[in-house]
Structure formats: C-alpha cells, structure tokens
Amino acid sequence: MKKYIDNIIHRIRKSKTAFSIGVILLVINPPMGWLGFIIAAYLTARFGRSIYFLWAMVLYGTTWGMSGIGIILAGPRGFHLSKIILKNIWRKLFVRRRYRNSKQ
C-alpha cells in the first residue's frame, strides 16, 4: 500500500501544473488564514455574534488542508520556493527601504 501511495505522489509531483497549483496554495495560505481571523475577530467584536468566530475556525481548518495539499502537490522544492516568494512579498509590503539619496 505504501509503495502504491508513493507512486501516486511521485506521478503527481512530476506534473508542472500540480507543482504550480501546490505553490499557489502554499503562497495564499498564510495571508488567507490571518486575514480571515482578523476580519472574523472584528465582526465578532462589532456585532457580538459568535458565528463569525466559528467561520474563522472553519477557515483556519481549510487553510491547514490547503497547506497539506500544497505540500503534497509541490513537494519540498515547491515548499522552499513558496517560502522565498512569501518572504519577498512581505519584504516588499512591510519593510522600509533606504534610498541612496535620502537623508539618514
């Protein structure tokens, strides 16, 4: 049974489409989970209904599933690539750059 599953995973990882989908899932996973919890916490505090927090928990569980599927599809190389992509995105969004002509 293990050899059969390993064979299936190996065939999936040879596909460029599966690799791309896996990397995309791994890249959108963290922002989706964080934004979902932030929005749900705001809505729960604003309207006092715990159903929003329940939806946040469902979204959180979904992101774990996305992460698992992404790792299976992309493999270790795709996981490493997604970490690099996420690091570059966060650096572009949140890190202030020093320009050569700016006063320090």
C-alpha atoms as a PDB file:
ATOM      1  CA  MET A   1       0.000   0.000   0.000  1.00  0.00           C
ATOM      2  CA  LYS A   2       2.821   2.421   0.877  1.00  0.00           C
ATOM      3  CA  LYS A   3       4.533   1.767  -2.450  1.00  0.00           C
ATOM      4  CA  TYR A   4       1.260   2.469  -4.264  1.00  0.00           C
ATOM      5  CA  ILE A   5       0.801   5.804  -2.462  1.00  0.00           C
ATOM      6  CA  ASP A   6       4.439   6.757  -3.047  1.00  0.00           C
ATOM      7  CA  ASN A   7       3.978   6.001  -6.737  1.00  0.00           C
ATOM      8  CA  ILE A   8       0.903   8.248  -6.919  1.00  0.00           C
ATOM      9  CA  ILE A   9       2.684  11.099  -5.113  1.00  0.00           C
ATOM     10  CA  HIS A  10       5.708  10.718  -7.401  1.00  0.00           C
ATOM     11  CA  ARG A  11       3.486  10.915 -10.514  1.00  0.00           C
ATOM     12  CA  ILE A  12       1.697  13.999  -9.157  1.00  0.00           C
ATOM     13  CA  ARG A  13       4.964  15.766  -8.365  1.00  0.00           C
ATOM     14  CA  LYS A  14       6.255  15.197 -11.913  1.00  0.00           C
ATOM     15  CA  SER A  15       3.396  17.348 -13.248  1.00  0.00           C
ATOM     16  CA  LYS A  16       4.228  21.041 -13.764  1.00  0.00           C
ATOM     17  CA  THR A  17       0.577  22.004 -13.344  1.00  0.00           C
ATOM     18  CA  ALA A  18       0.347  20.226  -9.994  1.00  0.00           C
ATOM     19  CA  PHE A  19       3.592  21.898  -8.914  1.00  0.00           C
ATOM     20  CA  SER A  20       2.221  25.333  -9.837  1.00  0.00           C
ATOM     21  CA  ILE A  21      -1.083  24.724  -8.069  1.00  0.00           C
ATOM     22  CA  GLY A  22       0.761  23.491  -4.980  1.00  0.00           C
ATOM     23  CA  VAL A  23       2.973  26.583  -4.851  1.00  0.00           C
ATOM     24  CA  ILE A  24      -0.049  28.862  -5.314  1.00  0.00           C
ATOM     25  CA  LEU A  25      -1.869  27.099  -2.470  1.00  0.00           C
ATOM     26  CA  LEU A  26       1.172  27.445  -0.232  1.00  0.00           C
ATOM     27  CA  VAL A  27       1.581  31.146  -1.041  1.00  0.00           C
ATOM     28  CA  ILE A  28      -2.059  32.186  -0.493  1.00  0.00           C
ATOM     29  CA  ASN A  29      -2.467  30.030   2.610  1.00  0.00           C
ATOM     30  CA  PRO A  30      -0.925  32.277   5.352  1.00  0.00           C
ATOM     31  CA  PRO A  31      -2.498  35.596   4.279  1.00  0.00           C
ATOM     32  CA  MET A  32      -5.882  33.926   3.877  1.00  0.00           C
ATOM     33  CA  GLY A  33      -5.762  32.479   7.386  1.00  0.00           C
ATOM     34  CA  TRP A  34      -4.530  35.682   9.017  1.00  0.00           C
ATOM     35  CA  LEU A  35      -6.975  37.968   7.226  1.00  0.00           C
ATOM     36  CA  GLY A  36      -9.818  35.572   7.921  1.00  0.00           C
ATOM     37  CA  PHE A  37      -9.135  35.634  11.647  1.00  0.00           C
ATOM     38  CA  ILE A  38      -8.697  39.411  11.721  1.00  0.00           C
ATOM     39  CA  ILE A  39     -11.963  40.007   9.877  1.00  0.00           C
ATOM     40  CA  ALA A  40     -13.830  37.429  11.977  1.00  0.00           C
ATOM     41  CA  ALA A  41     -12.487  38.918  15.228  1.00  0.00           C
ATOM     42  CA  TYR A  42     -13.588  42.380  14.097  1.00  0.00           C
ATOM     43  CA  LEU A  43     -17.064  41.175  13.113  1.00  0.00           C
ATOM     44  CA  THR A  44     -17.450  39.207  16.354  1.00  0.00           C
ATOM     45  CA  ALA A  45     -16.472  42.248  18.428  1.00  0.00           C
ATOM     46  CA  ARG A  46     -18.582  44.618  16.345  1.00  0.00           C
ATOM     47  CA  PHE A  47     -21.801  42.622  16.234  1.00  0.00           C
ATOM     48  CA  GLY A  48     -21.384  40.352  19.258  1.00  0.00           C
ATOM     49  CA  ARG A  49     -22.270  37.196  17.344  1.00  0.00           C
ATOM     50  CA  SER A  50     -20.001  34.214  17.806  1.00  0.00           C
ATOM     51  CA  ILE A  51     -20.971  32.733  14.432  1.00  0.00           C
ATOM     52  CA  TYR A  52     -18.236  34.851  12.835  1.00  0.00           C
ATOM     53  CA  PHE A  53     -15.649  33.273  15.095  1.00  0.00           C
ATOM     54  CA  LEU A  54     -16.974  29.839  14.134  1.00  0.00           C
ATOM     55  CA  TRP A  55     -16.471  30.740  10.463  1.00  0.00           C
ATOM     56  CA  ALA A  56     -12.922  31.819  11.289  1.00  0.00           C
ATOM     57  CA  MET A  57     -12.263  28.389  12.786  1.00  0.00           C
ATOM     58  CA  VAL A  58     -13.640  26.719   9.646  1.00  0.00           C
ATOM     59  CA  LEU A  59     -11.425  28.955   7.506  1.00  0.00           C
ATOM     60  CA  TYR A  60      -8.430  28.104   9.700  1.00  0.00           C
ATOM     61  CA  GLY A  61      -9.070  24.392   9.230  1.00  0.00           C
ATOM     62  CA  THR A  62      -9.418  24.949   5.494  1.00  0.00           C
ATOM     63  CA  THR A  63      -6.025  26.667   5.370  1.00  0.00           C
ATOM     64  CA  TRP A  64      -4.445  23.627   7.035  1.00  0.00           C
ATOM     65  CA  GLY A  65      -5.990  21.473   4.339  1.00  0.00           C
ATOM     66  CA  MET A  66      -4.688  23.848   1.674  1.00  0.00           C
ATOM     67  CA  SER A  67      -1.250  23.645   3.221  1.00  0.00           C
ATOM     68  CA  GLY A  68      -1.276  19.854   3.217  1.00  0.00           C
ATOM     69  CA  ILE A  69      -2.493  19.620  -0.360  1.00  0.00           C
ATOM     70  CA  GLY A  70       0.050  22.244  -1.419  1.00  0.00           C
ATOM     71  CA  ILE A  71       2.901  20.299   0.161  1.00  0.00           C
ATOM     72  CA  ILE A  72       1.765  17.071  -1.498  1.00  0.00           C
ATOM     73  CA  LEU A  73       1.445  18.733  -4.902  1.00  0.00           C
ATOM     74  CA  ALA A  74       4.558  20.909  -4.800  1.00  0.00           C
ATOM     75  CA  GLY A  75       6.878  18.753  -2.726  1.00  0.00           C
ATOM     76  CA  PRO A  76       9.898  20.013  -0.792  1.00  0.00           C
ATOM     77  CA  ARG A  77      11.159  22.127  -3.702  1.00  0.00           C
ATOM     78  CA  GLY A  78       7.802  23.899  -4.016  1.00  0.00           C
ATOM     79  CA  PHE A  79       7.600  24.419  -0.262  1.00  0.00           C
ATOM     80  CA  HIS A  80      11.014  26.094  -0.305  1.00  0.00           C
ATOM     81  CA  LEU A  81      10.012  28.196  -3.325  1.00  0.00           C
ATOM     82  CA  SER A  82       6.796  29.322  -1.631  1.00  0.00           C
ATOM     83  CA  LYS A  83       8.773  30.405   1.439  1.00  0.00           C
ATOM     84  CA  ILE A  84      11.020  32.545  -0.775  1.00  0.00           C
ATOM     85  CA  ILE A  85       8.004  34.056  -2.573  1.00  0.00           C
ATOM     86  CA  LEU A  86       6.241  34.857   0.707  1.00  0.00           C
ATOM     87  CA  LYS A  87       9.401  36.392   2.166  1.00  0.00           C
ATOM     88  CA  ASN A  88       9.771  38.632  -0.892  1.00  0.00           C
ATOM     89  CA  ILE A  89       6.114  39.664  -0.782  1.00  0.00           C
ATOM     90  CA  TRP A  90       6.255  40.563   2.914  1.00  0.00           C
ATOM     91  CA  ARG A  91       9.537  42.403   2.399  1.00  0.00           C
ATOM     92  CA  LYS A  92       8.019  44.482  -0.405  1.00  0.00           C
ATOM     93  CA  LEU A  93       4.899  45.251   1.611  1.00  0.00           C
ATOM     94  CA  PHE A  94       6.260  45.968   5.065  1.00  0.00           C
ATOM     95  CA  VAL A  95       9.976  46.722   5.011  1.00  0.00           C
ATOM     96  CA  ARG A  96      11.035  50.313   4.505  1.00  0.00           C
ATOM     97  CA  ARG A  97      13.792  50.679   2.007  1.00  0.00           C
ATOM     98  CA  ARG A  98      16.579  53.169   2.359  1.00  0.00           C
ATOM     99  CA  TYR A  99      17.253  55.087  -0.776  1.00  0.00           C
ATOM    100  CA  ARG A 100      20.711  56.259  -1.704  1.00  0.00           C
ATOM    101  CA  ASN A 101      19.693  59.910  -1.973  1.00  0.00           C
ATOM    102  CA  SER A 102      17.673  60.047   1.227  1.00  0.00           C
ATOM    103  CA  LYS A 103      18.910  61.750   4.376  1.00  0.00           C
ATOM    104  CA  GLN A 104      19.792  59.437   7.207  1.00  0.00           C
END
